Amino acid sequence: MDPINPIKVLILIGELEGCYAHTKKLGFEEDNKILDEMKQRYYKLYFKLCKEQGIKPL
């Protein structure tokens, strides 16, 4: 199995950030909280992968 590409994780984070912003504007607090938890998990994964693969985070 190939290692996960940190850039692909970063793209996912960008999509989550957009969804987070929209749910915040629309007042969907429960969904907003879930998206925030997801973002945190993927940010941790992104930085971990960068460190493991010797890539400077963007």
N, C-alpha and C. Protein backbone atom coordinates (compact mmCIF):
# COMPACT_ATOMS: atom_id res chain seq x y z
N MET A 1 0.84 -1.18 0.00
CA MET A 1 0.00 0.00 0.00
C MET A 1 0.89 1.25 0.00
N ASP A 2 0.59 2.19 -0.88
CA ASP A 2 1.35 3.43 -0.98
C ASP A 2 1.02 4.33 0.22
N PRO A 3 2.01 5.11 0.66
CA PRO A 3 1.73 6.06 1.75
C PRO A 3 0.71 7.11 1.32
N ILE A 4 -0.03 7.61 2.27
CA ILE A 4 -1.01 8.66 2.00
C ILE A 4 -0.28 9.95 1.65
N ASN A 5 -0.71 10.60 0.61
CA ASN A 5 -0.10 11.84 0.17
C ASN A 5 -0.62 12.99 1.05
N PRO A 6 0.27 13.71 1.74
CA PRO A 6 -0.17 14.82 2.60
C PRO A 6 -0.93 15.90 1.84
N ILE A 7 -0.61 16.09 0.57
CA ILE A 7 -1.30 17.12 -0.22
C ILE A 7 -2.77 16.75 -0.39
N LYS A 8 -3.05 15.46 -0.58
CA LYS A 8 -4.45 15.03 -0.71
C LYS A 8 -5.21 15.25 0.59
N VAL A 9 -4.53 15.05 1.71
CA VAL A 9 -5.14 15.31 3.01
C VAL A 9 -5.40 16.80 3.16
N LEU A 10 -4.47 17.61 2.68
CA LEU A 10 -4.63 19.06 2.75
C LEU A 10 -5.82 19.53 1.90
N ILE A 11 -6.02 18.91 0.75
CA ILE A 11 -7.18 19.23 -0.08
C ILE A 11 -8.48 18.89 0.67
N LEU A 12 -8.49 17.74 1.33
CA LEU A 12 -9.65 17.35 2.13
C LEU A 12 -9.91 18.38 3.24
N ILE A 13 -8.84 18.83 3.89
CA ILE A 13 -8.97 19.84 4.94
C ILE A 13 -9.59 21.12 4.37
N GLY A 14 -9.17 21.51 3.18
CA GLY A 14 -9.72 22.70 2.55
C GLY A 14 -11.22 22.58 2.32
N GLU A 15 -11.64 21.40 1.88
CA GLU A 15 -13.07 21.16 1.67
C GLU A 15 -13.82 21.23 3.00
N LEU A 16 -13.24 20.64 4.04
CA LEU A 16 -13.87 20.68 5.36
C LEU A 16 -13.96 22.10 5.89
N GLU A 17 -12.92 22.90 5.64
CA GLU A 17 -12.93 24.30 6.08
C GLU A 17 -14.09 25.05 5.42
N GLY A 18 -14.32 24.78 4.13
CA GLY A 18 -15.42 25.41 3.44
C GLY A 18 -16.77 25.01 4.01
N CYS A 19 -16.94 23.71 4.27
CA CYS A 19 -18.18 23.22 4.86
C CYS A 19 -18.38 23.80 6.25
N TYR A 20 -17.29 23.91 6.99
CA TYR A 20 -17.34 24.48 8.34
C TYR A 20 -17.84 25.93 8.28
N ALA A 21 -17.32 26.68 7.34
CA ALA A 21 -17.73 28.09 7.20
C ALA A 21 -19.21 28.20 6.84
N HIS A 22 -19.66 27.35 5.94
CA HIS A 22 -21.07 27.40 5.52
C HIS A 22 -22.00 27.00 6.66
N THR A 23 -21.66 25.94 7.39
CA THR A 23 -22.53 25.52 8.50
C THR A 23 -22.56 26.57 9.60
N LYS A 24 -21.44 27.26 9.76
CA LYS A 24 -21.41 28.33 10.78
C LYS A 24 -22.33 29.47 10.37
N LYS A 25 -22.26 29.88 9.11
CA LYS A 25 -23.12 30.97 8.60
C LYS A 25 -24.59 30.62 8.69
N LEU A 26 -24.91 29.35 8.43
CA LEU A 26 -26.30 28.91 8.42
C LEU A 26 -26.84 28.55 9.80
N GLY A 27 -25.95 28.54 10.79
CA GLY A 27 -26.39 28.28 12.16
C GLY A 27 -26.57 26.81 12.51
N PHE A 28 -25.96 25.91 11.74
CA PHE A 28 -26.04 24.49 12.04
C PHE A 28 -24.94 24.13 13.04
N GLU A 29 -25.18 24.44 14.30
CA GLU A 29 -24.15 24.33 15.33
C GLU A 29 -23.66 22.90 15.55
N GLU A 30 -24.56 21.93 15.56
CA GLU A 30 -24.15 20.54 15.80
C GLU A 30 -23.25 20.03 14.66
N ASP A 31 -23.66 20.31 13.42
CA ASP A 31 -22.84 19.91 12.28
C ASP A 31 -21.52 20.65 12.27
N ASN A 32 -21.54 21.91 12.65
CA ASN A 32 -20.33 22.71 12.72
C ASN A 32 -19.33 22.12 13.71
N LYS A 33 -19.83 21.66 14.83
CA LYS A 33 -18.97 21.05 15.85
C LYS A 33 -18.34 19.75 15.32
N ILE A 34 -19.14 18.95 14.62
CA ILE A 34 -18.64 17.69 14.05
C ILE A 34 -17.56 17.97 13.02
N LEU A 35 -17.79 18.95 12.16
CA LEU A 35 -16.79 19.31 11.16
C LEU A 35 -15.51 19.82 11.80
N ASP A 36 -15.63 20.56 12.89
CA ASP A 36 -14.45 21.05 13.60
C ASP A 36 -13.63 19.89 14.14
N GLU A 37 -14.30 18.89 14.68
CA GLU A 37 -13.59 17.70 15.19
C GLU A 37 -12.90 16.96 14.05
N MET A 38 -13.57 16.87 12.93
CA MET A 38 -12.97 16.21 11.77
C MET A 38 -11.74 16.98 11.28
N LYS A 39 -11.86 18.30 11.21
CA LYS A 39 -10.73 19.12 10.77
C LYS A 39 -9.52 18.90 11.67
N GLN A 40 -9.74 18.89 12.97
CA GLN A 40 -8.63 18.72 13.91
C GLN A 40 -7.94 17.38 13.68
N ARG A 41 -8.73 16.34 13.46
CA ARG A 41 -8.18 15.00 13.22
C ARG A 41 -7.32 14.99 11.95
N TYR A 42 -7.81 15.62 10.88
CA TYR A 42 -7.07 15.61 9.62
C TYR A 42 -5.87 16.55 9.64
N TYR A 43 -5.95 17.64 10.38
CA TYR A 43 -4.76 18.49 10.55
C TYR A 43 -3.65 17.71 11.24
N LYS A 44 -3.98 16.97 12.29
CA LYS A 44 -2.98 16.14 12.98
C LYS A 44 -2.38 15.13 12.03
N LEU A 45 -3.23 14.47 11.23
CA LEU A 45 -2.74 13.49 10.26
C LEU A 45 -1.83 14.16 9.25
N TYR A 46 -2.21 15.32 8.75
CA TYR A 46 -1.40 16.03 7.76
C TYR A 46 0.00 16.32 8.29
N PHE A 47 0.08 16.89 9.49
CA PHE A 47 1.40 17.22 10.04
C PHE A 47 2.21 15.97 10.36
N LYS A 48 1.54 14.92 10.79
CA LYS A 48 2.22 13.65 11.06
C LYS A 48 2.81 13.08 9.77
N LEU A 49 2.03 13.08 8.70
CA LEU A 49 2.50 12.56 7.42
C LEU A 49 3.66 13.39 6.87
N CYS A 50 3.56 14.70 7.00
CA CYS A 50 4.65 15.57 6.55
C CYS A 50 5.94 15.22 7.29
N LYS A 51 5.83 15.04 8.58
CA LYS A 51 7.01 14.71 9.37
C LYS A 51 7.59 13.35 8.98
N GLU A 52 6.71 12.36 8.83
CA GLU A 52 7.16 11.01 8.47
C GLU A 52 7.78 10.96 7.09
N GLN A 53 7.26 11.74 6.17
CA GLN A 53 7.73 11.71 4.79
C GLN A 53 8.79 12.77 4.49
N GLY A 54 9.17 13.55 5.51
CA GLY A 54 10.21 14.56 5.34
C GLY A 54 9.79 15.70 4.43
N ILE A 55 8.51 16.04 4.47
CA ILE A 55 7.98 17.13 3.64
C ILE A 55 7.71 18.33 4.53
N LYS A 56 8.11 19.51 4.04
CA LYS A 56 7.83 20.75 4.78
C LYS A 56 6.35 21.09 4.62
N PRO A 57 5.61 21.25 5.73
CA PRO A 57 4.19 21.60 5.64
C PRO A 57 3.98 22.93 4.92
N LEU A 58 2.89 23.01 4.16
CA LEU A 58 2.57 24.24 3.43
C LEU A 58 1.94 25.26 4.33
